[in-house]
Amino acid sequence: MCLIVFKQSLDELDKSKKYIIVGASKCGTTSFAKYMTDKGFTVDKQDGWFWQNPMIEAFAKFNGTYQSGTPIILLRDPVERAWSHYHYMFQDKPEEDTSEAIKNLRLETVSRKSCYTLWLNKWMEACDDGLCVFWYDDVVEWDDFPHENATKVKPQLDEETRERIEAYIMDEYQKNVDFE
């Protein structure tokens, strides 16, 4: 198992390496890939790899690299990620025509993906040389960080919905963590 290294800036990375961004959806991967490219890094962005067992297994098979790339994982406040994902997935679906049960199921589905524990453990097992992680909540504060989706407006997260998302995430966490 490898060490997770949380990074605070790109200055900590080697520009001679190739990086593959495999962060969770709605964690700023598109903006981060653009930012790294603009700073002279060689980057490949792979949507959806964070939650894909075959991709994690490919990294493990090639000793923590895949196509000579080092994985970078972007994570975000789990509740904010779920809320953003919910609106991204269902923004074109008419809310007024959707039952409360369907809305809850959709919210639960995207919220459970905000429990990073299981997937981080799988990535740690696959990457012998360490795992590079950035927090979206930190990188968006960088002066020249591009905000690719800044123009998209989503409704404000109310306290009741926040509590439901937190409950779904905690339930998923308890399923995936051994408390012994």
C-alpha atoms as a PDB file:
ATOM      1  CA  MET A   1       0.000   0.000   0.000  1.00  0.00           C
ATOM      2  CA  CYS A   2       1.244   3.486  -0.813  1.00  0.00           C
ATOM      3  CA  LEU A   3       1.290   6.816   0.892  1.00  0.00           C
ATOM      4  CA  ILE A   4      -1.230   9.500  -0.032  1.00  0.00           C
ATOM      5  CA  VAL A   5       0.520  12.804  -0.550  1.00  0.00           C
ATOM      6  CA  PHE A   6      -1.714  15.849  -0.357  1.00  0.00           C
ATOM      7  CA  LYS A   7      -0.286  18.654  -2.475  1.00  0.00           C
ATOM      8  CA  GLN A   8      -0.675  22.379  -1.990  1.00  0.00           C
ATOM      9  CA  SER A   9       0.824  23.629  -5.259  1.00  0.00           C
ATOM     10  CA  LEU A  10       2.104  22.468  -8.635  1.00  0.00           C
ATOM     11  CA  ASP A  11       5.602  23.531  -7.567  1.00  0.00           C
ATOM     12  CA  GLU A  12       5.771  20.191  -5.748  1.00  0.00           C
ATOM     13  CA  LEU A  13       5.432  18.228  -9.021  1.00  0.00           C
ATOM     14  CA  ASP A  14       8.081  17.217 -11.571  1.00  0.00           C
ATOM     15  CA  LYS A  15       7.381  18.737 -15.009  1.00  0.00           C
ATOM     16  CA  SER A  16       9.350  15.963 -16.711  1.00  0.00           C
ATOM     17  CA  LYS A  17       6.676  13.415 -15.734  1.00  0.00           C
ATOM     18  CA  LYS A  18       3.359  12.755 -17.432  1.00  0.00           C
ATOM     19  CA  TYR A  19       0.300  12.995 -15.184  1.00  0.00           C
ATOM     20  CA  ILE A  20      -3.098  11.409 -15.555  1.00  0.00           C
ATOM     21  CA  ILE A  21      -5.949  13.153 -13.789  1.00  0.00           C
ATOM     22  CA  VAL A  22      -8.362  10.560 -12.455  1.00  0.00           C
ATOM     23  CA  GLY A  23     -10.218  12.642  -9.895  1.00  0.00           C
ATOM     24  CA  ALA A  24     -13.824  12.165  -8.944  1.00  0.00           C
ATOM     25  CA  SER A  25     -16.516  13.757 -11.099  1.00  0.00           C
ATOM     26  CA  LYS A  26     -17.413  17.377 -10.309  1.00  0.00           C
ATOM     27  CA  CYS A  27     -14.104  17.954  -8.522  1.00  0.00           C
ATOM     28  CA  GLY A  28     -12.608  20.391 -11.021  1.00  0.00           C
ATOM     29  CA  THR A  29     -10.752  17.869 -13.185  1.00  0.00           C
ATOM     30  CA  THR A  30     -11.416  19.760 -16.431  1.00  0.00           C
ATOM     31  CA  SER A  31     -10.199  23.059 -14.987  1.00  0.00           C
ATOM     32  CA  PHE A  32      -7.229  21.358 -13.307  1.00  0.00           C
ATOM     33  CA  ALA A  33      -6.139  19.661 -16.538  1.00  0.00           C
ATOM     34  CA  LYS A  34      -6.284  23.013 -18.355  1.00  0.00           C
ATOM     35  CA  TYR A  35      -4.364  24.694 -15.548  1.00  0.00           C
ATOM     36  CA  MET A  36      -1.613  22.067 -15.535  1.00  0.00           C
ATOM     37  CA  THR A  37      -1.309  22.177 -19.326  1.00  0.00           C
ATOM     38  CA  ASP A  38      -1.072  25.979 -19.252  1.00  0.00           C
ATOM     39  CA  LYS A  39       1.759  25.633 -16.690  1.00  0.00           C
ATOM     40  CA  GLY A  40       3.765  23.331 -18.973  1.00  0.00           C
ATOM     41  CA  PHE A  41       2.846  19.910 -17.577  1.00  0.00           C
ATOM     42  CA  THR A  42       2.037  16.917 -19.761  1.00  0.00           C
ATOM     43  CA  VAL A  43      -1.452  15.881 -18.711  1.00  0.00           C
ATOM     44  CA  ASP A  44      -4.062  13.361 -19.747  1.00  0.00           C
ATOM     45  CA  LYS A  45      -7.519  13.699 -18.201  1.00  0.00           C
ATOM     46  CA  GLN A  46      -9.575  10.536 -17.882  1.00  0.00           C
ATOM     47  CA  ASP A  47     -13.214  11.061 -16.977  1.00  0.00           C
ATOM     48  CA  GLY A  48     -14.710   8.536 -14.635  1.00  0.00           C
ATOM     49  CA  TRP A  49     -11.514   6.608 -13.874  1.00  0.00           C
ATOM     50  CA  PHE A  50     -11.682   7.321 -10.159  1.00  0.00           C
ATOM     51  CA  TRP A  51     -14.595   4.889  -9.793  1.00  0.00           C
ATOM     52  CA  GLN A  52     -13.509   2.322 -12.397  1.00  0.00           C
ATOM     53  CA  ASN A  53     -12.021  -0.944 -11.133  1.00  0.00           C
ATOM     54  CA  PRO A  54     -10.504  -1.856 -14.556  1.00  0.00           C
ATOM     55  CA  MET A  55      -8.548   1.407 -14.633  1.00  0.00           C
ATOM     56  CA  ILE A  56      -7.335   0.966 -11.067  1.00  0.00           C
ATOM     57  CA  GLU A  57      -6.300  -2.600 -11.913  1.00  0.00           C
ATOM     58  CA  ALA A  58      -4.400  -1.312 -14.962  1.00  0.00           C
ATOM     59  CA  PHE A  59      -2.407   1.015 -12.727  1.00  0.00           C
ATOM     60  CA  ALA A  60      -1.661  -1.882 -10.379  1.00  0.00           C
ATOM     61  CA  LYS A  61      -0.530  -4.082 -13.269  1.00  0.00           C
ATOM     62  CA  PHE A  62       1.935  -1.443 -14.453  1.00  0.00           C
ATOM     63  CA  ASN A  63       3.304  -0.691 -10.963  1.00  0.00           C
ATOM     64  CA  GLY A  64       1.377   2.487 -10.319  1.00  0.00           C
ATOM     65  CA  THR A  65       1.706   3.990 -13.759  1.00  0.00           C
ATOM     66  CA  TYR A  66      -0.388   3.633 -16.853  1.00  0.00           C
ATOM     67  CA  GLN A  67       0.929   4.703 -20.240  1.00  0.00           C
ATOM     68  CA  SER A  68       3.868   6.237 -18.330  1.00  0.00           C
ATOM     69  CA  GLY A  69       1.620   8.531 -16.328  1.00  0.00           C
ATOM     70  CA  THR A  70       1.407   9.298 -12.640  1.00  0.00           C
ATOM     71  CA  PRO A  71      -2.147   9.553 -11.310  1.00  0.00           C
ATOM     72  CA  ILE A  72      -3.439  12.738  -9.739  1.00  0.00           C
ATOM     73  CA  ILE A  73      -6.688  12.559  -7.844  1.00  0.00           C
ATOM     74  CA  LEU A  74      -8.795  15.625  -7.214  1.00  0.00           C
ATOM     75  CA  LEU A  75     -11.282  15.512  -4.379  1.00  0.00           C
ATOM     76  CA  ARG A  76     -13.810  18.039  -3.158  1.00  0.00           C
ATOM     77  CA  ASP A  77     -15.950  18.663  -0.103  1.00  0.00           C
ATOM     78  CA  PRO A  78     -18.125  15.533  -0.370  1.00  0.00           C
ATOM     79  CA  VAL A  79     -21.450  17.301   0.146  1.00  0.00           C
ATOM     80  CA  GLU A  80     -20.659  20.045  -2.368  1.00  0.00           C
ATOM     81  CA  ARG A  81     -19.468  17.427  -4.876  1.00  0.00           C
ATOM     82  CA  ALA A  82     -22.721  15.478  -4.539  1.00  0.00           C
ATOM     83  CA  TRP A  83     -24.841  18.621  -4.900  1.00  0.00           C
ATOM     84  CA  SER A  84     -22.913  19.698  -7.996  1.00  0.00           C
ATOM     85  CA  HIS A  85     -23.114  16.185  -9.479  1.00  0.00           C
ATOM     86  CA  TYR A  86     -26.852  16.020  -8.817  1.00  0.00           C
ATOM     87  CA  HIS A  87     -27.467  19.208 -10.763  1.00  0.00           C
ATOM     88  CA  TYR A  88     -25.073  18.245 -13.530  1.00  0.00           C
ATOM     89  CA  MET A  89     -26.756  14.855 -14.046  1.00  0.00           C
ATOM     90  CA  PHE A  90     -30.330  16.043 -13.847  1.00  0.00           C
ATOM     91  CA  GLN A  91     -30.242  19.698 -14.960  1.00  0.00           C
ATOM     92  CA  ASP A  92     -32.168  19.007 -18.161  1.00  0.00           C
ATOM     93  CA  LYS A  93     -34.777  16.826 -16.487  1.00  0.00           C
ATOM     94  CA  PRO A  94     -37.935  18.659 -15.432  1.00  0.00           C
ATOM     95  CA  GLU A  95     -37.993  18.690 -11.622  1.00  0.00           C
ATOM     96  CA  GLU A  96     -41.694  19.535 -11.454  1.00  0.00           C
ATOM     97  CA  ASP A  97     -42.551  16.319 -13.319  1.00  0.00           C
ATOM     98  CA  THR A  98     -40.411  14.139 -11.051  1.00  0.00           C
ATOM     99  CA  SER A  99     -41.766  12.442  -7.943  1.00  0.00           C
ATOM    100  CA  GLU A 100     -40.119  13.074  -4.583  1.00  0.00           C
ATOM    101  CA  ALA A 101     -39.066   9.396  -4.446  1.00  0.00           C
ATOM    102  CA  ILE A 102     -37.199   9.699  -7.768  1.00  0.00           C
ATOM    103  CA  LYS A 103     -35.528  12.937  -6.640  1.00  0.00           C
ATOM    104  CA  ASN A 104     -34.395  11.211  -3.435  1.00  0.00           C
ATOM    105  CA  LEU A 105     -33.059   8.196  -5.339  1.00  0.00           C
ATOM    106  CA  ARG A 106     -31.100  10.467  -7.675  1.00  0.00           C
ATOM    107  CA  LEU A 107     -29.692  12.417  -4.737  1.00  0.00           C
ATOM    108  CA  GLU A 108     -28.763   9.209  -2.921  1.00  0.00           C
ATOM    109  CA  THR A 109     -27.017   7.798  -6.009  1.00  0.00           C
ATOM    110  CA  VAL A 110     -24.730  10.791  -6.518  1.00  0.00           C
ATOM    111  CA  SER A 111     -24.194  11.267  -2.774  1.00  0.00           C
ATOM    112  CA  ARG A 112     -22.876   7.753  -2.246  1.00  0.00           C
ATOM    113  CA  LYS A 113     -20.119   8.492  -4.773  1.00  0.00           C
ATOM    114  CA  SER A 114     -18.870  11.186  -2.392  1.00  0.00           C
ATOM    115  CA  CYS A 115     -17.675   8.524   0.022  1.00  0.00           C
ATOM    116  CA  TYR A 116     -14.062   8.467  -1.171  1.00  0.00           C
ATOM    117  CA  THR A 117     -12.736   5.888   1.308  1.00  0.00           C
ATOM    118  CA  LEU A 118     -13.273   2.708  -0.734  1.00  0.00           C
ATOM    119  CA  TRP A 119     -11.877   4.212  -3.933  1.00  0.00           C
ATOM    120  CA  LEU A 120      -8.886   5.883  -2.299  1.00  0.00           C
ATOM    121  CA  ASN A 121      -7.992   2.545  -0.717  1.00  0.00           C
ATOM    122  CA  LYS A 122      -8.133   0.862  -4.133  1.00  0.00           C
ATOM    123  CA  TRP A 123      -5.933   3.568  -5.678  1.00  0.00           C
ATOM    124  CA  MET A 124      -3.483   3.298  -2.769  1.00  0.00           C
ATOM    125  CA  GLU A 125      -3.162  -0.444  -3.348  1.00  0.00           C
ATOM    126  CA  ALA A 126      -2.554   0.138  -7.081  1.00  0.00           C
ATOM    127  CA  CYS A 127       0.054   2.892  -6.834  1.00  0.00           C
ATOM    128  CA  ASP A 128       3.272   1.781  -5.175  1.00  0.00           C
ATOM    129  CA  ASP A 129       5.033   5.119  -5.679  1.00  0.00           C
ATOM    130  CA  GLY A 130       2.482   7.212  -3.829  1.00  0.00           C
ATOM    131  CA  LEU A 131      -0.730   8.886  -4.734  1.00  0.00           C
ATOM    132  CA  CYS A 132      -0.879  12.600  -5.456  1.00  0.00           C
ATOM    133  CA  VAL A 133      -4.088  14.232  -4.222  1.00  0.00           C
ATOM    134  CA  PHE A 134      -5.271  17.814  -4.540  1.00  0.00           C
ATOM    135  CA  TRP A 135      -8.346  19.299  -2.873  1.00  0.00           C
ATOM    136  CA  TYR A 136     -10.575  21.232  -5.257  1.00  0.00           C
ATOM    137  CA  ASP A 137     -11.518  23.512  -2.368  1.00  0.00           C
ATOM    138  CA  ASP A 138      -7.842  24.594  -2.181  1.00  0.00           C
ATOM    139  CA  VAL A 139      -6.955  24.846  -5.867  1.00  0.00           C
ATOM    140  CA  VAL A 140      -9.930  27.055  -6.753  1.00  0.00           C
ATOM    141  CA  GLU A 141      -8.367  29.655  -4.472  1.00  0.00           C
ATOM    142  CA  TRP A 142      -5.187  29.856  -6.588  1.00  0.00           C
ATOM    143  CA  ASP A 143      -4.985  33.279  -8.290  1.00  0.00           C
ATOM    144  CA  ASP A 144      -4.900  32.111 -11.894  1.00  0.00           C
ATOM    145  CA  PHE A 145      -6.905  28.898 -11.589  1.00  0.00           C
ATOM    146  CA  PRO A 146      -9.462  28.666 -14.442  1.00  0.00           C
ATOM    147  CA  HIS A 147     -13.062  28.071 -13.476  1.00  0.00           C
ATOM    148  CA  GLU A 148     -14.393  26.145 -16.478  1.00  0.00           C
ATOM    149  CA  ASN A 149     -17.908  25.758 -15.082  1.00  0.00           C
ATOM    150  CA  ALA A 150     -18.167  29.012 -13.131  1.00  0.00           C
ATOM    151  CA  THR A 151     -21.001  30.278 -15.301  1.00  0.00           C
ATOM    152  CA  LYS A 152     -23.305  27.369 -14.496  1.00  0.00           C
ATOM    153  CA  VAL A 153     -25.806  28.279 -11.825  1.00  0.00           C
ATOM    154  CA  LYS A 154     -27.255  25.706  -9.467  1.00  0.00           C
ATOM    155  CA  PRO A 155     -29.758  26.250  -6.685  1.00  0.00           C
ATOM    156  CA  GLN A 156     -28.485  27.002  -3.204  1.00  0.00           C
ATOM    157  CA  LEU A 157     -28.057  23.931  -0.999  1.00  0.00           C
ATOM    158  CA  ASP A 158     -30.566  24.078   1.836  1.00  0.00           C
ATOM    159  CA  GLU A 159     -29.873  22.608   5.278  1.00  0.00           C
ATOM    160  CA  GLU A 160     -32.376  19.737   4.949  1.00  0.00           C
ATOM    161  CA  THR A 161     -30.828  18.556   1.668  1.00  0.00           C
ATOM    162  CA  ARG A 162     -27.324  18.954   3.122  1.00  0.00           C
ATOM    163  CA  GLU A 163     -28.284  16.677   6.018  1.00  0.00           C
ATOM    164  CA  ARG A 164     -29.728  14.068   3.628  1.00  0.00           C
ATOM    165  CA  ILE A 165     -26.546  14.086   1.537  1.00  0.00           C
ATOM    166  CA  GLU A 166     -24.409  13.761   4.691  1.00  0.00           C
ATOM    167  CA  ALA A 167     -26.525  10.819   5.853  1.00  0.00           C
ATOM    168  CA  TYR A 168     -26.142   9.021   2.492  1.00  0.00           C
ATOM    169  CA  ILE A 169     -22.375   9.581   2.539  1.00  0.00           C
ATOM    170  CA  MET A 170     -22.051   8.379   6.141  1.00  0.00           C
ATOM    171  CA  ASP A 171     -24.138   5.293   5.377  1.00  0.00           C
ATOM    172  CA  GLU A 172     -21.853   4.448   2.448  1.00  0.00           C
ATOM    173  CA  TYR A 173     -18.777   5.077   4.602  1.00  0.00           C
ATOM    174  CA  GLN A 174     -20.023   2.677   7.283  1.00  0.00           C
ATOM    175  CA  LYS A 175     -20.563  -0.002   4.632  1.00  0.00           C
ATOM    176  CA  ASN A 176     -16.976   0.324   3.378  1.00  0.00           C
ATOM    177  CA  VAL A 177     -14.912   0.795   6.527  1.00  0.00           C
ATOM    178  CA  ASP A 178     -13.893  -1.953   8.901  1.00  0.00           C
ATOM    179  CA  PHE A 179     -14.379  -0.600  12.423  1.00  0.00           C
ATOM    180  CA  GLU A 180     -12.720  -3.562  14.181  1.00  0.00           C
END
